[in-house]
Amino acid sequence: MVILLILFIWRTQLNVKLVLVTLQGERFDASVIIPSNKFRPESTNVQMSINVPNLSVNFSLPRWNIHAAYIPEEGCNLAKVGLLAVRASYLYYSETKENFVDHLTLNFEVSSVYLSLCQHV
């Protein structure tokens, strides 16, 4: 089992907010292709792909957060996804010029999504 923890932090006028989102799955299959067949190319396009079958998305708050009293201590399940597939490419240039703009392209595909929201007591 593989677990990936994502931490969201943001600041409001009064305090700092913190949310923990956990992605849990049987396995994460990742592939990155970095072409290196040319010496100092003008641009490079890096291809990436990630496949995650049977993904579970969980949400939790730190115990010091007052809203944590309303969700279970172990957190709550937000979604179950049959398959998450991410295809990405990153095009970058070796020099900085006005018409050289890096591009990040992300394609997300999900199947068999079951969404559930935490219930407040």
N, C-alpha and C. Protein backbone atom coordinates (compact mmCIF):
# COMPACT_ATOMS: atom_id res chain seq x y z
N MET A 1 0.84 -1.17 0.00
CA MET A 1 0.00 0.00 0.00
C MET A 1 0.89 1.24 0.00
N VAL A 2 0.52 2.20 -0.80
CA VAL A 2 1.28 3.45 -0.93
C VAL A 2 0.42 4.59 -0.44
N ILE A 3 1.01 5.49 0.33
CA ILE A 3 0.28 6.63 0.86
C ILE A 3 1.03 7.90 0.48
N LEU A 4 0.31 8.86 -0.07
CA LEU A 4 0.88 10.16 -0.42
C LEU A 4 0.14 11.21 0.38
N LEU A 5 0.86 12.01 1.14
CA LEU A 5 0.27 13.03 1.99
C LEU A 5 0.43 14.39 1.33
N ILE A 6 -0.68 15.12 1.21
CA ILE A 6 -0.66 16.46 0.64
C ILE A 6 -1.09 17.42 1.75
N LEU A 7 -0.30 18.45 1.97
CA LEU A 7 -0.56 19.40 3.04
C LEU A 7 -0.95 20.74 2.41
N PHE A 8 -2.12 21.25 2.76
CA PHE A 8 -2.57 22.55 2.28
C PHE A 8 -2.47 23.54 3.43
N ILE A 9 -1.75 24.63 3.19
CA ILE A 9 -1.59 25.67 4.20
C ILE A 9 -1.97 27.00 3.56
N TRP A 10 -2.79 27.77 4.23
CA TRP A 10 -3.07 29.11 3.76
C TRP A 10 -3.29 30.02 4.95
N ARG A 11 -3.12 31.30 4.74
CA ARG A 11 -3.20 32.28 5.81
C ARG A 11 -4.44 33.15 5.62
N THR A 12 -5.18 33.32 6.70
CA THR A 12 -6.30 34.26 6.71
C THR A 12 -5.86 35.47 7.52
N GLN A 13 -6.74 36.44 7.70
CA GLN A 13 -6.38 37.62 8.48
C GLN A 13 -6.14 37.27 9.94
N LEU A 14 -6.83 36.24 10.43
CA LEU A 14 -6.73 35.91 11.86
C LEU A 14 -5.69 34.84 12.17
N ASN A 15 -5.56 33.83 11.30
CA ASN A 15 -4.65 32.74 11.62
C ASN A 15 -4.27 31.95 10.37
N VAL A 16 -3.52 30.89 10.60
CA VAL A 16 -3.07 30.01 9.52
C VAL A 16 -3.95 28.77 9.51
N LYS A 17 -4.42 28.37 8.34
CA LYS A 17 -5.26 27.18 8.20
C LYS A 17 -4.41 26.02 7.69
N LEU A 18 -4.73 24.82 8.13
CA LEU A 18 -3.97 23.64 7.76
C LEU A 18 -4.95 22.49 7.51
N VAL A 19 -4.83 21.84 6.36
CA VAL A 19 -5.68 20.70 6.00
C VAL A 19 -4.77 19.60 5.46
N LEU A 20 -5.02 18.37 5.87
CA LEU A 20 -4.26 17.22 5.40
C LEU A 20 -5.14 16.39 4.46
N VAL A 21 -4.67 16.17 3.26
CA VAL A 21 -5.36 15.30 2.30
C VAL A 21 -4.43 14.13 2.02
N THR A 22 -4.94 12.93 2.21
CA THR A 22 -4.14 11.72 2.04
C THR A 22 -4.67 10.94 0.85
N LEU A 23 -3.77 10.60 -0.09
CA LEU A 23 -4.10 9.74 -1.22
C LEU A 23 -3.51 8.36 -0.90
N GLN A 24 -4.37 7.35 -0.88
CA GLN A 24 -3.93 6.01 -0.50
C GLN A 24 -4.36 5.03 -1.59
N GLY A 25 -3.42 4.23 -2.06
CA GLY A 25 -3.72 3.27 -3.10
C GLY A 25 -2.88 2.03 -3.00
N GLU A 26 -3.24 1.03 -3.80
CA GLU A 26 -2.49 -0.22 -3.83
C GLU A 26 -1.08 0.01 -4.36
N ARG A 27 -0.99 0.83 -5.41
CA ARG A 27 0.31 1.13 -6.00
C ARG A 27 0.19 2.39 -6.83
N PHE A 28 1.30 3.07 -7.00
CA PHE A 28 1.40 4.23 -7.88
C PHE A 28 2.38 3.85 -8.98
N ASP A 29 1.91 3.77 -10.22
CA ASP A 29 2.78 3.47 -11.35
C ASP A 29 3.15 4.79 -12.02
N ALA A 30 4.42 5.12 -12.02
CA ALA A 30 4.86 6.40 -12.59
C ALA A 30 5.92 6.16 -13.65
N SER A 31 5.89 7.00 -14.67
CA SER A 31 6.86 6.91 -15.75
C SER A 31 7.24 8.32 -16.17
N VAL A 32 8.53 8.57 -16.30
CA VAL A 32 9.03 9.87 -16.76
C VAL A 32 10.03 9.61 -17.88
N ILE A 33 9.81 10.29 -19.00
CA ILE A 33 10.71 10.15 -20.15
C ILE A 33 11.40 11.49 -20.38
N ILE A 34 12.72 11.50 -20.18
CA ILE A 34 13.52 12.71 -20.40
C ILE A 34 14.43 12.44 -21.59
N PRO A 35 14.14 13.05 -22.73
CA PRO A 35 14.99 12.80 -23.89
C PRO A 35 16.39 13.40 -23.68
N SER A 36 17.38 12.58 -23.95
CA SER A 36 18.77 13.05 -23.78
C SER A 36 19.62 12.62 -24.97
N ASN A 37 19.01 12.60 -26.14
CA ASN A 37 19.76 12.16 -27.32
C ASN A 37 20.39 13.31 -28.09
N LYS A 38 20.19 14.56 -27.65
CA LYS A 38 20.81 15.71 -28.30
C LYS A 38 21.61 16.50 -27.27
N PHE A 39 22.74 17.04 -27.71
CA PHE A 39 23.56 17.86 -26.84
C PHE A 39 23.07 19.30 -26.89
N ARG A 40 22.69 19.85 -25.76
CA ARG A 40 22.20 21.22 -25.63
C ARG A 40 21.10 21.57 -26.64
N PRO A 41 19.96 20.90 -26.56
CA PRO A 41 18.87 21.22 -27.48
C PRO A 41 18.26 22.59 -27.13
N GLU A 42 17.62 23.18 -28.12
CA GLU A 42 16.97 24.48 -27.88
C GLU A 42 15.80 24.32 -26.92
N SER A 43 15.08 23.20 -27.04
CA SER A 43 13.95 22.94 -26.14
C SER A 43 13.92 21.44 -25.82
N THR A 44 13.28 21.13 -24.71
CA THR A 44 13.13 19.74 -24.29
C THR A 44 11.69 19.52 -23.85
N ASN A 45 11.12 18.40 -24.25
CA ASN A 45 9.77 18.05 -23.87
C ASN A 45 9.82 16.77 -23.01
N VAL A 46 9.53 16.92 -21.73
CA VAL A 46 9.56 15.81 -20.79
C VAL A 46 8.14 15.24 -20.67
N GLN A 47 7.99 13.93 -20.89
CA GLN A 47 6.70 13.25 -20.81
C GLN A 47 6.60 12.51 -19.48
N MET A 48 5.42 12.61 -18.83
CA MET A 48 5.20 11.95 -17.56
C MET A 48 3.84 11.27 -17.56
N SER A 49 3.73 10.17 -16.85
CA SER A 49 2.42 9.52 -16.67
C SER A 49 2.38 8.86 -15.31
N ILE A 50 1.20 8.91 -14.69
CA ILE A 50 0.97 8.29 -13.40
C ILE A 50 -0.36 7.55 -13.47
N ASN A 51 -0.38 6.30 -13.04
CA ASN A 51 -1.61 5.51 -12.94
C ASN A 51 -1.75 5.03 -11.50
N VAL A 52 -2.92 5.27 -10.93
CA VAL A 52 -3.18 4.85 -9.56
C VAL A 52 -4.51 4.11 -9.53
N PRO A 53 -4.49 2.78 -9.43
CA PRO A 53 -5.76 2.04 -9.30
C PRO A 53 -6.24 2.02 -7.85
N ASN A 54 -7.55 1.93 -7.69
CA ASN A 54 -8.18 1.81 -6.36
C ASN A 54 -7.67 2.87 -5.38
N LEU A 55 -7.85 4.12 -5.75
CA LEU A 55 -7.38 5.25 -4.95
C LEU A 55 -8.43 5.67 -3.93
N SER A 56 -7.99 5.96 -2.73
CA SER A 56 -8.86 6.47 -1.67
C SER A 56 -8.35 7.86 -1.29
N VAL A 57 -9.24 8.85 -1.26
CA VAL A 57 -8.89 10.23 -0.92
C VAL A 57 -9.48 10.53 0.45
N ASN A 58 -8.61 10.82 1.41
CA ASN A 58 -9.04 11.06 2.79
C ASN A 58 -8.69 12.48 3.21
N PHE A 59 -9.47 13.00 4.15
CA PHE A 59 -9.35 14.37 4.62
C PHE A 59 -9.25 14.37 6.13
N SER A 60 -8.35 15.15 6.69
CA SER A 60 -8.27 15.26 8.15
C SER A 60 -7.75 16.64 8.53
N LEU A 61 -8.01 16.99 9.76
CA LEU A 61 -7.57 18.27 10.31
C LEU A 61 -6.69 17.99 11.52
N PRO A 62 -5.73 18.87 11.81
CA PRO A 62 -4.93 18.68 13.02
C PRO A 62 -5.84 18.80 14.26
N ARG A 63 -5.48 18.13 15.33
CA ARG A 63 -6.31 18.10 16.54
C ARG A 63 -6.52 19.50 17.13
N TRP A 64 -5.57 20.44 16.94
CA TRP A 64 -5.73 21.77 17.53
C TRP A 64 -6.74 22.63 16.77
N ASN A 65 -7.16 22.20 15.61
CA ASN A 65 -8.17 22.93 14.85
C ASN A 65 -9.53 22.70 15.49
N ILE A 66 -10.26 23.77 15.77
CA ILE A 66 -11.55 23.64 16.46
C ILE A 66 -12.55 22.83 15.66
N HIS A 67 -12.46 22.84 14.34
CA HIS A 67 -13.38 22.09 13.50
C HIS A 67 -13.08 20.58 13.52
N ALA A 68 -11.92 20.21 14.03
CA ALA A 68 -11.57 18.79 14.10
C ALA A 68 -12.47 18.03 15.07
N ALA A 69 -13.13 18.73 15.97
CA ALA A 69 -14.04 18.07 16.91
C ALA A 69 -15.25 17.46 16.20
N TYR A 70 -15.52 17.91 14.98
CA TYR A 70 -16.71 17.46 14.26
C TYR A 70 -16.44 16.36 13.24
N ILE A 71 -15.20 15.96 13.09
CA ILE A 71 -14.90 14.85 12.19
C ILE A 71 -14.20 13.75 12.98
N PRO A 72 -14.28 12.51 12.52
CA PRO A 72 -13.62 11.41 13.25
C PRO A 72 -12.12 11.66 13.38
N GLU A 73 -11.53 11.14 14.45
CA GLU A 73 -10.11 11.35 14.71
C GLU A 73 -9.22 10.82 13.58
N GLU A 74 -9.63 9.72 12.95
CA GLU A 74 -8.85 9.15 11.85
C GLU A 74 -9.10 9.87 10.53
N GLY A 75 -9.97 10.90 10.54
CA GLY A 75 -10.29 11.62 9.32
C GLY A 75 -11.52 11.03 8.66
N CYS A 76 -11.83 11.49 7.49
CA CYS A 76 -12.98 10.95 6.77
C CYS A 76 -12.62 10.75 5.31
N ASN A 77 -13.32 9.81 4.71
CA ASN A 77 -13.06 9.47 3.31
C ASN A 77 -13.87 10.42 2.42
N LEU A 78 -13.20 11.10 1.50
CA LEU A 78 -13.87 12.01 0.58
C LEU A 78 -14.29 11.32 -0.69
N ALA A 79 -13.44 10.41 -1.19
CA ALA A 79 -13.76 9.77 -2.47
C ALA A 79 -13.00 8.46 -2.60
N LYS A 80 -13.57 7.59 -3.40
CA LYS A 80 -12.89 6.37 -3.85
C LYS A 80 -12.91 6.42 -5.37
N VAL A 81 -11.76 6.18 -5.97
CA VAL A 81 -11.61 6.28 -7.42
C VAL A 81 -11.10 4.94 -7.93
N GLY A 82 -11.78 4.39 -8.94
CA GLY A 82 -11.35 3.13 -9.53
C GLY A 82 -9.99 3.24 -10.19
N LEU A 83 -9.77 4.30 -10.95
CA LEU A 83 -8.49 4.52 -11.60
C LEU A 83 -8.27 6.00 -11.81
N LEU A 84 -7.13 6.50 -11.37
CA LEU A 84 -6.70 7.86 -11.64
C LEU A 84 -5.52 7.78 -12.58
N ALA A 85 -5.63 8.42 -13.74
CA ALA A 85 -4.54 8.45 -14.71
C ALA A 85 -4.19 9.91 -15.00
N VAL A 86 -2.93 10.24 -14.83
CA VAL A 86 -2.44 11.59 -15.11
C VAL A 86 -1.41 11.50 -16.22
N ARG A 87 -1.62 12.24 -17.27
CA ARG A 87 -0.65 12.35 -18.37
C ARG A 87 -0.19 13.79 -18.40
N ALA A 88 1.11 13.99 -18.44
CA ALA A 88 1.64 15.35 -18.40
C ALA A 88 2.82 15.48 -19.33
N SER A 89 3.04 16.70 -19.76
CA SER A 89 4.25 17.01 -20.52
C SER A 89 4.71 18.40 -20.11
N TYR A 90 6.01 18.57 -20.07
CA TYR A 90 6.60 19.86 -19.71
C TYR A 90 7.60 20.23 -20.79
N LEU A 91 7.31 21.30 -21.50
CA LEU A 91 8.18 21.81 -22.55
C LEU A 91 8.93 23.00 -21.99
N TYR A 92 10.25 22.92 -21.99
CA TYR A 92 11.05 24.04 -21.50
C TYR A 92 12.18 24.33 -22.48
N TYR A 93 12.68 25.55 -22.42
CA TYR A 93 13.71 26.02 -23.34
C TYR A 93 15.02 26.21 -22.58
N SER A 94 16.11 26.08 -23.32
CA SER A 94 17.43 26.19 -22.70
C SER A 94 17.86 27.64 -22.51
N GLU A 95 17.20 28.56 -23.20
CA GLU A 95 17.54 29.98 -23.08
C GLU A 95 16.29 30.78 -22.75
N THR A 96 16.52 31.99 -22.28
CA THR A 96 15.42 32.89 -21.99
C THR A 96 15.30 33.90 -23.13
N LYS A 97 14.17 33.83 -23.82
CA LYS A 97 13.86 34.78 -24.88
C LYS A 97 12.39 35.15 -24.77
N GLU A 98 12.02 36.23 -25.42
CA GLU A 98 10.65 36.72 -25.31
C GLU A 98 9.62 35.69 -25.80
N ASN A 99 9.90 35.00 -26.88
CA ASN A 99 8.93 34.05 -27.43
C ASN A 99 9.14 32.62 -26.93
N PHE A 100 10.08 32.40 -26.02
CA PHE A 100 10.28 31.08 -25.43
C PHE A 100 9.48 31.01 -24.12
N VAL A 101 8.35 30.33 -24.16
CA VAL A 101 7.48 30.21 -22.99
C VAL A 101 7.36 28.73 -22.64
N ASP A 102 7.68 28.40 -21.39
CA ASP A 102 7.55 27.02 -20.94
C ASP A 102 6.08 26.65 -20.88
N HIS A 103 5.78 25.37 -21.14
CA HIS A 103 4.40 24.89 -21.13
C HIS A 103 4.31 23.62 -20.28
N LEU A 104 3.38 23.61 -19.36
CA LEU A 104 3.06 22.42 -18.58
C LEU A 104 1.64 22.02 -18.94
N THR A 105 1.47 20.81 -19.47
CA THR A 105 0.17 20.30 -19.86
C THR A 105 -0.17 19.12 -18.96
N LEU A 106 -1.34 19.18 -18.33
CA LEU A 106 -1.80 18.12 -17.45
C LEU A 106 -3.15 17.60 -17.93
N ASN A 107 -3.27 16.29 -18.09
CA ASN A 107 -4.53 15.64 -18.45
C ASN A 107 -4.86 14.63 -17.36
N PHE A 108 -6.01 14.83 -16.72
CA PHE A 108 -6.47 13.93 -15.66
C PHE A 108 -7.63 13.10 -16.19
N GLU A 109 -7.60 11.81 -15.92
CA GLU A 109 -8.71 10.92 -16.25
C GLU A 109 -9.03 10.11 -15.01
N VAL A 110 -10.32 10.06 -14.67
CA VAL A 110 -10.75 9.25 -13.53
C VAL A 110 -11.90 8.36 -13.97
N SER A 111 -12.00 7.20 -13.34
CA SER A 111 -13.11 6.30 -13.64
C SER A 111 -13.63 5.72 -12.33
N SER A 112 -14.89 5.38 -12.33
CA SER A 112 -15.56 4.78 -11.17
C SER A 112 -15.36 5.61 -9.90
N VAL A 113 -15.86 6.84 -9.94
CA VAL A 113 -15.70 7.74 -8.80
C VAL A 113 -16.90 7.62 -7.86
N TYR A 114 -16.61 7.42 -6.58
CA TYR A 114 -17.62 7.41 -5.54
C TYR A 114 -17.26 8.55 -4.59
N LEU A 115 -18.11 9.57 -4.52
CA LEU A 115 -17.85 10.75 -3.72
C LEU A 115 -18.69 10.69 -2.45
N SER A 116 -18.05 10.91 -1.31
CA SER A 116 -18.78 10.96 -0.04
C SER A 116 -18.24 12.14 0.76
N LEU A 117 -19.13 12.87 1.39
CA LEU A 117 -18.72 14.03 2.17
C LEU A 117 -18.84 13.73 3.64
N CYS A 118 -17.99 14.35 4.45
CA CYS A 118 -18.01 14.14 5.90
C CYS A 118 -19.32 14.70 6.46
N GLN A 119 -19.88 13.99 7.40
CA GLN A 119 -21.10 14.45 8.06
C GLN A 119 -20.74 15.10 9.38
N HIS A 120 -21.36 16.24 9.64
CA HIS A 120 -21.15 16.91 10.94
C HIS A 120 -22.17 16.38 11.93
N VAL A 121 -21.73 16.22 13.15
CA VAL A 121 -22.61 15.70 14.22
C VAL A 121 -23.47 16.81 14.74
